[in-house]
Amino acid sequence: AGGRGGSGGATVLTLTQTGTEVTGTISVRIDAGTNSPVNDEIWGGKADGDTVTFYVWTGTDQPVKTTYTGTMAASGDEIAFTVTGGRAAAAGRGQTGPQPIIAKRTK
């Protein structure tokens, strides 16, 4: 089955900033039926200087909250995020501490 035990492809993060409000979507999982990315809406998005924060709810039966806190590089082409929460933390398995990820702008 596709996506089992692997990342299932690149995560795509789409952000739009208006003033200090940030909206957008993130594809954090693959739909098992179609093998296509599922775009989840981001919530509570805020920008404060070079810091961007938002959270995502994933899952349907027991939704889990994952929080993203990022610092934008001076070039504006990269955001270094710290990710907390999520499914592994909720289940008490594996890596439950903050996880670093880098988001790179595509052109």
C-alpha atoms as a PDB file:
ATOM      1  CA  ALA A   1       0.000   0.000   0.000  1.00  0.00           C
ATOM      2  CA  GLY A   2       1.361   3.375  -0.940  1.00  0.00           C
ATOM      3  CA  GLY A   3       2.532   5.761   1.750  1.00  0.00           C
ATOM      4  CA  ARG A   4       2.796   3.119   4.473  1.00  0.00           C
ATOM      5  CA  GLY A   5       5.887   3.702   6.588  1.00  0.00           C
ATOM      6  CA  GLY A   6       7.166   6.439   4.271  1.00  0.00           C
ATOM      7  CA  SER A   7       6.632  10.095   3.683  1.00  0.00           C
ATOM      8  CA  GLY A   8       4.493   9.490   0.585  1.00  0.00           C
ATOM      9  CA  GLY A   9       6.039  12.438  -1.251  1.00  0.00           C
ATOM     10  CA  ALA A  10       6.834  16.068  -0.651  1.00  0.00           C
ATOM     11  CA  THR A  11       4.808  18.121   1.790  1.00  0.00           C
ATOM     12  CA  VAL A  12       3.434  21.259   0.125  1.00  0.00           C
ATOM     13  CA  LEU A  13       2.816  24.327   2.287  1.00  0.00           C
ATOM     14  CA  THR A  14       0.909  27.262   0.754  1.00  0.00           C
ATOM     15  CA  LEU A  15       0.812  30.455   2.836  1.00  0.00           C
ATOM     16  CA  THR A  16      -0.785  33.851   2.223  1.00  0.00           C
ATOM     17  CA  GLN A  17      -0.065  36.796   4.531  1.00  0.00           C
ATOM     18  CA  THR A  18      -2.341  39.812   4.918  1.00  0.00           C
ATOM     19  CA  GLY A  19      -1.009  42.125   7.613  1.00  0.00           C
ATOM     20  CA  THR A  20      -0.292  39.821  10.558  1.00  0.00           C
ATOM     21  CA  GLU A  21      -2.851  37.169   9.501  1.00  0.00           C
ATOM     22  CA  VAL A  22      -1.580  34.039   7.740  1.00  0.00           C
ATOM     23  CA  THR A  23      -3.894  31.636   5.890  1.00  0.00           C
ATOM     24  CA  GLY A  24      -3.217  28.627   3.713  1.00  0.00           C
ATOM     25  CA  THR A  25      -3.008  24.864   3.411  1.00  0.00           C
ATOM     26  CA  ILE A  26      -0.508  22.073   4.027  1.00  0.00           C
ATOM     27  CA  SER A  27      -0.469  18.579   2.541  1.00  0.00           C
ATOM     28  CA  VAL A  28       0.609  16.438   5.488  1.00  0.00           C
ATOM     29  CA  ARG A  29      -0.795  13.076   4.406  1.00  0.00           C
ATOM     30  CA  ILE A  30      -1.763  10.965   1.403  1.00  0.00           C
ATOM     31  CA  ASP A  31      -5.319   9.780   0.729  1.00  0.00           C
ATOM     32  CA  ALA A  32      -5.122   5.967   0.689  1.00  0.00           C
ATOM     33  CA  GLY A  33      -7.901   5.669  -1.894  1.00  0.00           C
ATOM     34  CA  THR A  34      -6.512   8.067  -4.486  1.00  0.00           C
ATOM     35  CA  ASN A  35      -2.814   8.184  -3.448  1.00  0.00           C
ATOM     36  CA  SER A  36      -3.095  11.980  -3.805  1.00  0.00           C
ATOM     37  CA  PRO A  37      -2.033  14.600  -1.239  1.00  0.00           C
ATOM     38  CA  VAL A  38      -4.757  15.845   1.105  1.00  0.00           C
ATOM     39  CA  ASN A  39      -4.624  19.593   1.754  1.00  0.00           C
ATOM     40  CA  ASP A  40      -5.456  20.517   5.346  1.00  0.00           C
ATOM     41  CA  GLU A  41      -6.397  24.093   6.169  1.00  0.00           C
ATOM     42  CA  ILE A  42      -4.093  25.898   8.596  1.00  0.00           C
ATOM     43  CA  TRP A  43      -5.622  27.595  11.655  1.00  0.00           C
ATOM     44  CA  GLY A  44      -4.561  30.472  13.916  1.00  0.00           C
ATOM     45  CA  GLY A  45      -1.950  31.657  11.420  1.00  0.00           C
ATOM     46  CA  LYS A  46       0.021  34.711  12.532  1.00  0.00           C
ATOM     47  CA  ALA A  47       3.119  36.557  11.393  1.00  0.00           C
ATOM     48  CA  ASP A  48       5.158  38.650  13.808  1.00  0.00           C
ATOM     49  CA  GLY A  49       8.346  40.024  12.266  1.00  0.00           C
ATOM     50  CA  ASP A  50      10.217  36.988  10.907  1.00  0.00           C
ATOM     51  CA  THR A  51       8.174  34.477  12.987  1.00  0.00           C
ATOM     52  CA  VAL A  52       5.252  32.512  11.522  1.00  0.00           C
ATOM     53  CA  THR A  53       2.953  30.327  13.638  1.00  0.00           C
ATOM     54  CA  PHE A  54      -0.072  28.175  12.818  1.00  0.00           C
ATOM     55  CA  TYR A  55      -1.640  24.843  13.676  1.00  0.00           C
ATOM     56  CA  VAL A  56      -3.323  22.008  11.777  1.00  0.00           C
ATOM     57  CA  TRP A  57      -5.976  19.480  12.807  1.00  0.00           C
ATOM     58  CA  THR A  58      -5.501  16.054  11.198  1.00  0.00           C
ATOM     59  CA  GLY A  59      -7.634  12.938  11.425  1.00  0.00           C
ATOM     60  CA  THR A  60     -11.404  12.537  11.468  1.00  0.00           C
ATOM     61  CA  ASP A  61     -12.357  10.204  14.331  1.00  0.00           C
ATOM     62  CA  GLN A  62     -10.000  11.739  16.892  1.00  0.00           C
ATOM     63  CA  PRO A  63      -8.448  14.903  15.393  1.00  0.00           C
ATOM     64  CA  VAL A  64      -4.922  15.701  16.535  1.00  0.00           C
ATOM     65  CA  LYS A  65      -3.444  19.207  16.729  1.00  0.00           C
ATOM     66  CA  THR A  66       0.019  19.860  15.287  1.00  0.00           C
ATOM     67  CA  THR A  67       1.619  23.273  15.892  1.00  0.00           C
ATOM     68  CA  TYR A  68       4.174  24.872  13.548  1.00  0.00           C
ATOM     69  CA  THR A  69       6.441  27.723  14.713  1.00  0.00           C
ATOM     70  CA  GLY A  70       8.825  29.044  12.065  1.00  0.00           C
ATOM     71  CA  THR A  71      11.527  31.645  11.566  1.00  0.00           C
ATOM     72  CA  MET A  72      11.919  33.073   8.077  1.00  0.00           C
ATOM     73  CA  ALA A  73      15.423  33.397   6.652  1.00  0.00           C
ATOM     74  CA  ALA A  74      16.594  36.905   5.724  1.00  0.00           C
ATOM     75  CA  SER A  75      16.355  35.914   2.032  1.00  0.00           C
ATOM     76  CA  GLY A  76      12.642  35.127   2.454  1.00  0.00           C
ATOM     77  CA  ASP A  77      13.174  31.834   0.597  1.00  0.00           C
ATOM     78  CA  GLU A  78      13.173  29.498   3.599  1.00  0.00           C
ATOM     79  CA  ILE A  79      11.361  29.033   6.906  1.00  0.00           C
ATOM     80  CA  ALA A  80      12.856  26.849   9.656  1.00  0.00           C
ATOM     81  CA  PHE A  81       9.906  25.325  11.543  1.00  0.00           C
ATOM     82  CA  THR A  82       9.690  23.566  14.875  1.00  0.00           C
ATOM     83  CA  VAL A  83       6.747  21.138  14.827  1.00  0.00           C
ATOM     84  CA  THR A  84       5.105  20.029  18.074  1.00  0.00           C
ATOM     85  CA  GLY A  85       2.206  17.698  18.786  1.00  0.00           C
ATOM     86  CA  GLY A  86       0.824  15.445  16.089  1.00  0.00           C
ATOM     87  CA  ARG A  87      -0.151  11.808  15.953  1.00  0.00           C
ATOM     88  CA  ALA A  88       3.031  10.254  17.454  1.00  0.00           C
ATOM     89  CA  ALA A  89       2.876  12.614  20.442  1.00  0.00           C
ATOM     90  CA  ALA A  90      -0.844  11.958  20.963  1.00  0.00           C
ATOM     91  CA  ALA A  91      -0.269   8.194  20.941  1.00  0.00           C
ATOM     92  CA  GLY A  92       2.753   8.459  23.236  1.00  0.00           C
ATOM     93  CA  ARG A  93       4.938   6.693  20.643  1.00  0.00           C
ATOM     94  CA  GLY A  94       8.271   7.438  19.107  1.00  0.00           C
ATOM     95  CA  GLN A  95       9.571  10.956  18.849  1.00  0.00           C
ATOM     96  CA  THR A  96       7.289  13.127  20.931  1.00  0.00           C
ATOM     97  CA  GLY A  97       9.554  16.172  21.254  1.00  0.00           C
ATOM     98  CA  PRO A  98       9.650  19.110  18.848  1.00  0.00           C
ATOM     99  CA  GLN A  99      10.714  18.163  15.307  1.00  0.00           C
ATOM    100  CA  PRO A 100      12.662  20.583  13.066  1.00  0.00           C
ATOM    101  CA  ILE A 101      11.700  20.937   9.392  1.00  0.00           C
ATOM    102  CA  ILE A 102      12.743  23.377   6.671  1.00  0.00           C
ATOM    103  CA  ALA A 103      10.218  24.814   4.200  1.00  0.00           C
ATOM    104  CA  LYS A 104      11.793  26.105   0.961  1.00  0.00           C
ATOM    105  CA  ARG A 105      10.075  28.474  -1.448  1.00  0.00           C
ATOM    106  CA  THR A 106       9.445  27.084  -4.916  1.00  0.00           C
ATOM    107  CA  LYS A 107       9.739  29.438  -7.842  1.00  0.00           C
END
